[in-house]
PDB file of N, CA and C in Angstrom:
ATOM      1  N   MET A   1      28.176  13.201  22.507  1.00  0.00           N
ATOM      2  CA  MET A   1      26.882  13.824  22.613  1.00  0.00           C
ATOM      3  C   MET A   1      26.142  13.647  21.303  1.00  0.00           C
ATOM      4  N   LYS A   2      24.900  13.282  21.393  1.00  0.00           N
ATOM      5  CA  LYS A   2      24.093  13.014  20.217  1.00  0.00           C
ATOM      6  C   LYS A   2      23.273  14.247  19.845  1.00  0.00           C
ATOM      7  N   THR A   3      23.362  14.652  18.583  1.00  0.00           N
ATOM      8  CA  THR A   3      22.573  15.799  18.135  1.00  0.00           C
ATOM      9  C   THR A   3      21.228  15.314  17.620  1.00  0.00           C
ATOM     10  N   SER A   4      20.219  16.123  17.818  1.00  0.00           N
ATOM     11  CA  SER A   4      18.890  15.741  17.351  1.00  0.00           C
ATOM     12  C   SER A   4      18.512  16.543  16.120  1.00  0.00           C
ATOM     13  N   LYS A   5      17.653  15.949  15.291  1.00  0.00           N
ATOM     14  CA  LYS A   5      17.185  16.637  14.097  1.00  0.00           C
ATOM     15  C   LYS A   5      16.123  17.649  14.498  1.00  0.00           C
ATOM     16  N   PRO A   6      15.977  18.719  13.737  1.00  0.00           N
ATOM     17  CA  PRO A   6      14.928  19.681  14.049  1.00  0.00           C
ATOM     18  C   PRO A   6      13.559  19.037  13.866  1.00  0.00           C
ATOM     19  N   ALA A   7      12.608  19.492  14.646  1.00  0.00           N
ATOM     20  CA  ALA A   7      11.255  18.940  14.584  1.00  0.00           C
ATOM     21  C   ALA A   7      10.610  19.288  13.242  1.00  0.00           C
ATOM     22  N   GLN A   8       9.837  18.352  12.709  1.00  0.00           N
ATOM     23  CA  GLN A   8       9.116  18.589  11.460  1.00  0.00           C
ATOM     24  C   GLN A   8       7.923  19.489  11.735  1.00  0.00           C
ATOM     25  N   ARG A   9       7.784  20.522  10.959  1.00  0.00           N
ATOM     26  CA  ARG A   9       6.645  21.413  11.116  1.00  0.00           C
ATOM     27  C   ARG A   9       5.517  20.926  10.219  1.00  0.00           C
ATOM     28  N   ARG A  10       4.304  21.036  10.705  1.00  0.00           N
ATOM     29  CA  ARG A  10       3.173  20.628   9.880  1.00  0.00           C
ATOM     30  C   ARG A  10       2.836  21.749   8.916  1.00  0.00           C
ATOM     31  N   HIS A  11       2.299  21.365   7.773  1.00  0.00           N
ATOM     32  CA  HIS A  11       1.948  22.332   6.741  1.00  0.00           C
ATOM     33  C   HIS A  11       0.543  22.856   7.013  1.00  0.00           C
ATOM     34  N   LEU A  12       0.409  24.167   7.090  1.00  0.00           N
ATOM     35  CA  LEU A  12      -0.894  24.780   7.325  1.00  0.00           C
ATOM     36  C   LEU A  12      -1.601  25.019   5.990  1.00  0.00           C
ATOM     37  N   PRO A  13      -2.890  24.739   5.897  1.00  0.00           N
ATOM     38  CA  PRO A  13      -3.617  24.916   4.635  1.00  0.00           C
ATOM     39  C   PRO A  13      -3.603  26.357   4.129  1.00  0.00           C
ATOM     40  N   THR A  14      -3.456  27.327   5.022  1.00  0.00           N
ATOM     41  CA  THR A  14      -3.466  28.727   4.618  1.00  0.00           C
ATOM     42  C   THR A  14      -2.084  29.249   4.235  1.00  0.00           C
ATOM     43  N   SER A  15      -1.076  28.392   4.287  1.00  0.00           N
ATOM     44  CA  SER A  15       0.281  28.808   3.985  1.00  0.00           C
ATOM     45  C   SER A  15       0.436  29.106   2.499  1.00  0.00           C
ATOM     46  N   PRO A  16       1.182  30.149   2.135  1.00  0.00           N
ATOM     47  CA  PRO A  16       1.415  30.446   0.725  1.00  0.00           C
ATOM     48  C   PRO A  16       2.495  29.548   0.106  1.00  0.00           C
ATOM     49  N   PHE A  17       3.168  28.742   0.928  1.00  0.00           N
ATOM     50  CA  PHE A  17       4.230  27.873   0.448  1.00  0.00           C
ATOM     51  C   PHE A  17       3.698  26.477   0.165  1.00  0.00           C
ATOM     52  N   LYS A  18       4.339  25.791  -0.783  1.00  0.00           N
ATOM     53  CA  LYS A  18       3.941  24.427  -1.131  1.00  0.00           C
ATOM     54  C   LYS A  18       4.331  23.474  -0.001  1.00  0.00           C
ATOM     55  N   PRO A  19       3.545  22.407   0.215  1.00  0.00           N
ATOM     56  CA  PRO A  19       3.925  21.424   1.239  1.00  0.00           C
ATOM     57  C   PRO A  19       5.164  20.654   0.785  1.00  0.00           C
ATOM     58  N   PRO A  20       5.902  20.070   1.719  1.00  0.00           N
ATOM     59  CA  PRO A  20       7.081  19.291   1.337  1.00  0.00           C
ATOM     60  C   PRO A  20       6.643  18.076   0.520  1.00  0.00           C
ATOM     61  N   PRO A  21       7.480  17.630  -0.418  1.00  0.00           N
ATOM     62  CA  PRO A  21       7.097  16.494  -1.255  1.00  0.00           C
ATOM     63  C   PRO A  21       6.945  15.222  -0.426  1.00  0.00           C
ATOM     64  N   ALA A  22       5.963  14.424  -0.801  1.00  0.00           N
ATOM     65  CA  ALA A  22       5.737  13.143  -0.122  1.00  0.00           C
ATOM     66  C   ALA A  22       6.776  12.135  -0.602  1.00  0.00           C
ATOM     67  N   ALA A  23       7.011  11.117   0.194  1.00  0.00           N
ATOM     68  CA  ALA A  23       7.955  10.077  -0.195  1.00  0.00           C
ATOM     69  C   ALA A  23       7.409   9.333  -1.410  1.00  0.00           C
ATOM     70  N   PRO A  24       8.267   9.004  -2.377  1.00  0.00           N
ATOM     71  CA  PRO A  24       7.782   8.292  -3.559  1.00  0.00           C
ATOM     72  C   PRO A  24       7.304   6.891  -3.182  1.00  0.00           C
ATOM     73  N   PRO A  25       6.297   6.380  -3.877  1.00  0.00           N
ATOM     74  CA  PRO A  25       5.802   5.036  -3.545  1.00  0.00           C
ATOM     75  C   PRO A  25       6.864   3.983  -3.840  1.00  0.00           C
ATOM     76  N   VAL A  26       6.868   2.928  -3.041  1.00  0.00           N
ATOM     77  CA  VAL A  26       7.838   1.857  -3.203  1.00  0.00           C
ATOM     78  C   VAL A  26       7.412   0.989  -4.379  1.00  0.00           C
ATOM     79  N   LYS A  27       8.345   0.706  -5.285  1.00  0.00           N
ATOM     80  CA  LYS A  27       8.037  -0.134  -6.442  1.00  0.00           C
ATOM     81  C   LYS A  27       8.012  -1.584  -5.993  1.00  0.00           C
ATOM     82  N   GLU A  28       7.014  -2.323  -6.481  1.00  0.00           N
ATOM     83  CA  GLU A  28       6.903  -3.743  -6.163  1.00  0.00           C
ATOM     84  C   GLU A  28       6.891  -4.544  -7.454  1.00  0.00           C
ATOM     85  N   PHE A  29       7.651  -5.627  -7.467  1.00  0.00           N
ATOM     86  CA  PHE A  29       7.733  -6.484  -8.639  1.00  0.00           C
ATOM     87  C   PHE A  29       7.328  -7.897  -8.263  1.00  0.00           C
ATOM     88  N   GLU A  30       6.802  -8.635  -9.249  1.00  0.00           N
ATOM     89  CA  GLU A  30       6.401 -10.026  -9.063  1.00  0.00           C
ATOM     90  C   GLU A  30       7.176 -10.889 -10.045  1.00  0.00           C
ATOM     91  N   LEU A  31       7.177 -12.203  -9.801  1.00  0.00           N
ATOM     92  CA  LEU A  31       7.848 -13.127 -10.707  1.00  0.00           C
ATOM     93  C   LEU A  31       7.259 -13.004 -12.103  1.00  0.00           C
ATOM     94  N   GLN A  32       8.121 -13.103 -13.094  1.00  0.00           N
ATOM     95  CA  GLN A  32       7.768 -13.055 -14.515  1.00  0.00           C
ATOM     96  C   GLN A  32       7.305 -11.688 -15.003  1.00  0.00           C
ATOM     97  N   ASP A  33       7.430 -10.632 -14.197  1.00  0.00           N
ATOM     98  CA  ASP A  33       7.115  -9.278 -14.669  1.00  0.00           C
ATOM     99  C   ASP A  33       8.105  -8.885 -15.751  1.00  0.00           C
ATOM    100  N   ARG A  34       7.614  -8.246 -16.812  1.00  0.00           N
ATOM    101  CA  ARG A  34       8.478  -7.682 -17.835  1.00  0.00           C
ATOM    102  C   ARG A  34       8.912  -6.307 -17.348  1.00  0.00           C
ATOM    103  N   VAL A  35      10.212  -6.024 -17.435  1.00  0.00           N
ATOM    104  CA  VAL A  35      10.743  -4.762 -16.934  1.00  0.00           C
ATOM    105  C   VAL A  35      11.697  -4.145 -17.953  1.00  0.00           C
ATOM    106  N   SER A  36      11.961  -2.867 -17.754  1.00  0.00           N
ATOM    107  CA  SER A  36      12.927  -2.141 -18.566  1.00  0.00           C
ATOM    108  C   SER A  36      13.903  -1.455 -17.618  1.00  0.00           C
ATOM    109  N   HIS A  37      15.198  -1.524 -17.964  1.00  0.00           N
ATOM    110  CA  HIS A  37      16.232  -0.901 -17.161  1.00  0.00           C
ATOM    111  C   HIS A  37      16.979   0.083 -18.052  1.00  0.00           C
ATOM    112  N   ASP A  38      17.341   1.235 -17.507  1.00  0.00           N
ATOM    113  CA  ASP A  38      18.017   2.274 -18.284  1.00  0.00           C
ATOM    114  C   ASP A  38      19.342   1.790 -18.872  1.00  0.00           C
ATOM    115  N   LYS A  39      20.062   0.930 -18.172  1.00  0.00           N
ATOM    116  CA  LYS A  39      21.368   0.477 -18.638  1.00  0.00           C
ATOM    117  C   LYS A  39      21.305  -0.853 -19.390  1.00  0.00           C
ATOM    118  N   TYR A  40      20.510  -1.823 -18.884  1.00  0.00           N
ATOM    119  CA  TYR A  40      20.518  -3.179 -19.421  1.00  0.00           C
ATOM    120  C   TYR A  40      19.426  -3.449 -20.458  1.00  0.00           C
ATOM    121  N   GLY A  41      18.393  -2.639 -20.521  1.00  0.00           N
ATOM    122  CA  GLY A  41      17.331  -2.831 -21.508  1.00  0.00           C
ATOM    123  C   GLY A  41      16.162  -3.633 -20.960  1.00  0.00           C
ATOM    124  N   LEU A  42      15.545  -4.443 -21.842  1.00  0.00           N
ATOM    125  CA  LEU A  42      14.363  -5.225 -21.480  1.00  0.00           C
ATOM    126  C   LEU A  42      14.752  -6.517 -20.778  1.00  0.00           C
ATOM    127  N   GLY A  43      13.923  -6.925 -19.804  1.00  0.00           N
ATOM    128  CA  GLY A  43      14.199  -8.157 -19.078  1.00  0.00           C
ATOM    129  C   GLY A  43      12.960  -8.705 -18.413  1.00  0.00           C
ATOM    130  N   ARG A  44      13.146  -9.850 -17.716  1.00  0.00           N
ATOM    131  CA  ARG A  44      12.059 -10.513 -17.007  1.00  0.00           C
ATOM    132  C   ARG A  44      12.525 -10.850 -15.603  1.00  0.00           C
ATOM    133  N   VAL A  45      11.677 -10.592 -14.603  1.00  0.00           N
ATOM    134  CA  VAL A  45      12.015 -10.828 -13.204  1.00  0.00           C
ATOM    135  C   VAL A  45      12.030 -12.331 -12.919  1.00  0.00           C
ATOM    136  N   LEU A  46      13.154 -12.815 -12.349  1.00  0.00           N
ATOM    137  CA  LEU A  46      13.302 -14.226 -12.015  1.00  0.00           C
ATOM    138  C   LEU A  46      13.112 -14.502 -10.523  1.00  0.00           C
ATOM    139  N   GLU A  47      13.610 -13.598  -9.678  1.00  0.00           N
ATOM    140  CA  GLU A  47      13.495 -13.756  -8.229  1.00  0.00           C
ATOM    141  C   GLU A  47      13.162 -12.410  -7.601  1.00  0.00           C
ATOM    142  N   VAL A  48      12.413 -12.469  -6.494  1.00  0.00           N
ATOM    143  CA  VAL A  48      12.045 -11.250  -5.779  1.00  0.00           C
ATOM    144  C   VAL A  48      12.401 -11.407  -4.307  1.00  0.00           C
ATOM    145  N   ASP A  49      13.152 -10.455  -3.790  1.00  0.00           N
ATOM    146  CA  ASP A  49      13.442 -10.357  -2.363  1.00  0.00           C
ATOM    147  C   ASP A  49      12.727  -9.078  -1.919  1.00  0.00           C
ATOM    148  N   PRO A  50      11.486  -9.195  -1.387  1.00  0.00           N
ATOM    149  CA  PRO A  50      10.630  -8.022  -1.148  1.00  0.00           C
ATOM    150  C   PRO A  50      11.324  -6.881  -0.412  1.00  0.00           C
ATOM    151  N   GLY A  51      11.273  -5.694  -1.031  1.00  0.00           N
ATOM    152  CA  GLY A  51      11.833  -4.503  -0.429  1.00  0.00           C
ATOM    153  C   GLY A  51      13.346  -4.401  -0.477  1.00  0.00           C
ATOM    154  N   ARG A  52      14.032  -5.412  -1.017  1.00  0.00           N
ATOM    155  CA  ARG A  52      15.492  -5.397  -1.005  1.00  0.00           C
ATOM    156  C   ARG A  52      16.108  -5.470  -2.402  1.00  0.00           C
ATOM    157  N   ALA A  53      15.688  -6.458  -3.212  1.00  0.00           N
ATOM    158  CA  ALA A  53      16.322  -6.645  -4.518  1.00  0.00           C
ATOM    159  C   ALA A  53      15.460  -7.531  -5.404  1.00  0.00           C
ATOM    160  N   VAL A  54      15.745  -7.494  -6.701  1.00  0.00           N
ATOM    161  CA  VAL A  54      15.136  -8.406  -7.664  1.00  0.00           C
ATOM    162  C   VAL A  54      16.235  -8.923  -8.587  1.00  0.00           C
ATOM    163  N   LEU A  55      16.095 -10.167  -9.029  1.00  0.00           N
ATOM    164  CA  LEU A  55      17.017 -10.756  -9.989  1.00  0.00           C
ATOM    165  C   LEU A  55      16.316 -10.726 -11.331  1.00  0.00           C
ATOM    166  N   VAL A  56      16.959 -10.091 -12.317  1.00  0.00           N
ATOM    167  CA  VAL A  56      16.340  -9.895 -13.624  1.00  0.00           C
ATOM    168  C   VAL A  56      17.203 -10.541 -14.698  1.00  0.00           C
ATOM    169  N   ASP A  57      16.547 -11.285 -15.614  1.00  0.00           N
ATOM    170  CA  ASP A  57      17.220 -11.879 -16.762  1.00  0.00           C
ATOM    171  C   ASP A  57      17.054 -10.924 -17.941  1.00  0.00           C
ATOM    172  N   PHE A  58      18.175 -10.362 -18.416  1.00  0.00           N
ATOM    173  CA  PHE A  58      18.144  -9.427 -19.532  1.00  0.00           C
ATOM    174  C   PHE A  58      18.539 -10.102 -20.843  1.00  0.00           C
ATOM    175  N   GLY A  59      18.550 -11.430 -20.871  1.00  0.00           N
ATOM    176  CA  GLY A  59      18.907 -12.159 -22.087  1.00  0.00           C
ATOM    177  C   GLY A  59      20.388 -12.474 -22.136  1.00  0.00           C
ATOM    178  N   THR A  60      21.225 -11.471 -22.143  1.00  0.00           N
ATOM    179  CA  THR A  60      22.663 -11.697 -22.202  1.00  0.00           C
ATOM    180  C   THR A  60      23.271 -11.901 -20.821  1.00  0.00           C
ATOM    181  N   GLU A  61      22.596 -11.413 -19.791  1.00  0.00           N
ATOM    182  CA  GLU A  61      23.109 -11.558 -18.428  1.00  0.00           C
ATOM    183  C   GLU A  61      21.973 -11.464 -17.408  1.00  0.00           C
ATOM    184  N   ARG A  62      22.247 -12.003 -16.229  1.00  0.00           N
ATOM    185  CA  ARG A  62      21.310 -11.886 -15.104  1.00  0.00           C
ATOM    186  C   ARG A  62      21.894 -10.889 -14.122  1.00  0.00           C
ATOM    187  N   VAL A  63      21.056  -9.922 -13.720  1.00  0.00           N
ATOM    188  CA  VAL A  63      21.536  -8.842 -12.860  1.00  0.00           C
ATOM    189  C   VAL A  63      20.645  -8.743 -11.634  1.00  0.00           C
ATOM    190  N   ARG A  64      21.268  -8.611 -10.472  1.00  0.00           N
ATOM    191  CA  ARG A  64      20.538  -8.375  -9.223  1.00  0.00           C
ATOM    192  C   ARG A  64      20.456  -6.863  -9.036  1.00  0.00           C
ATOM    193  N   VAL A  65      19.228  -6.326  -9.095  1.00  0.00           N
ATOM    194  CA  VAL A  65      19.006  -4.891  -8.964  1.00  0.00           C
ATOM    195  C   VAL A  65      18.525  -4.616  -7.547  1.00  0.00           C
ATOM    196  N   LEU A  66      19.225  -3.739  -6.848  1.00  0.00           N
ATOM    197  CA  LEU A  66      18.905  -3.423  -5.457  1.00  0.00           C
ATOM    198  C   LEU A  66      17.891  -2.294  -5.360  1.00  0.00           C
ATOM    199  N   ALA A  67      17.119  -2.299  -4.268  1.00  0.00           N
ATOM    200  CA  ALA A  67      16.149  -1.226  -3.998  1.00  0.00           C
ATOM    201  C   ALA A  67      16.908   0.067  -3.819  1.00  0.00           C
ATOM    202  N   PRO A  68      16.373   1.169  -4.185  1.00  0.00           N
ATOM    203  CA  PRO A  68      14.998   1.575  -4.471  1.00  0.00           C
ATOM    204  C   PRO A  68      14.591   1.470  -5.932  1.00  0.00           C
ATOM    205  N   PHE A  69      15.301   0.717  -6.757  1.00  0.00           N
ATOM    206  CA  PHE A  69      14.919   0.440  -8.145  1.00  0.00           C
ATOM    207  C   PHE A  69      14.733   1.717  -8.962  1.00  0.00           C
ATOM    208  N   ALA A  70      15.647   2.666  -8.838  1.00  0.00           N
ATOM    209  CA  ALA A  70      15.515   3.954  -9.515  1.00  0.00           C
ATOM    210  C   ALA A  70      15.499   3.830 -11.036  1.00  0.00           C
ATOM    211  N   LYS A  71      16.246   2.888 -11.601  1.00  0.00           N
ATOM    212  CA  LYS A  71      16.345   2.771 -13.059  1.00  0.00           C
ATOM    213  C   LYS A  71      15.554   1.598 -13.612  1.00  0.00           C
ATOM    214  N   LEU A  72      14.735   0.948 -12.789  1.00  0.00           N
ATOM    215  CA  LEU A  72      13.978  -0.234 -13.217  1.00  0.00           C
ATOM    216  C   LEU A  72      12.496   0.110 -13.251  1.00  0.00           C
ATOM    217  N   PHE A  73      11.858  -0.184 -14.400  1.00  0.00           N
ATOM    218  CA  PHE A  73      10.446   0.162 -14.592  1.00  0.00           C
ATOM    219  C   PHE A  73       9.662  -1.051 -15.072  1.00  0.00           C
ATOM    220  N   LYS A  74       8.483  -1.246 -14.491  1.00  0.00           N
ATOM    221  CA  LYS A  74       7.603  -2.327 -14.888  1.00  0.00           C
ATOM    222  C   LYS A  74       6.896  -1.952 -16.183  1.00  0.00           C
ATOM    223  N   LEU A  75       6.804  -2.893 -17.122  1.00  0.00           N
ATOM    224  CA  LEU A  75       6.125  -2.640 -18.395  1.00  0.00           C
ATOM    225  C   LEU A  75       4.686  -3.113 -18.341  1.00  0.00           C
TER     226      LEU A  75
END
């Protein structure tokens, strides 16, 4: 038997409670973008697989970073 999720309630403007947080925007990278990673440092984007992964050259190594790119920031 399959269980269903509870229905989402809409937020009323007169409600004293804050609305639920919106989904964070999806990060998009392009070839040759300069990026910073929390673990690997500064790098440059070599390949882009839209919505899935990016290949970044950090100088000492090339790393494939998977979406949602939590630790990768565009400079």
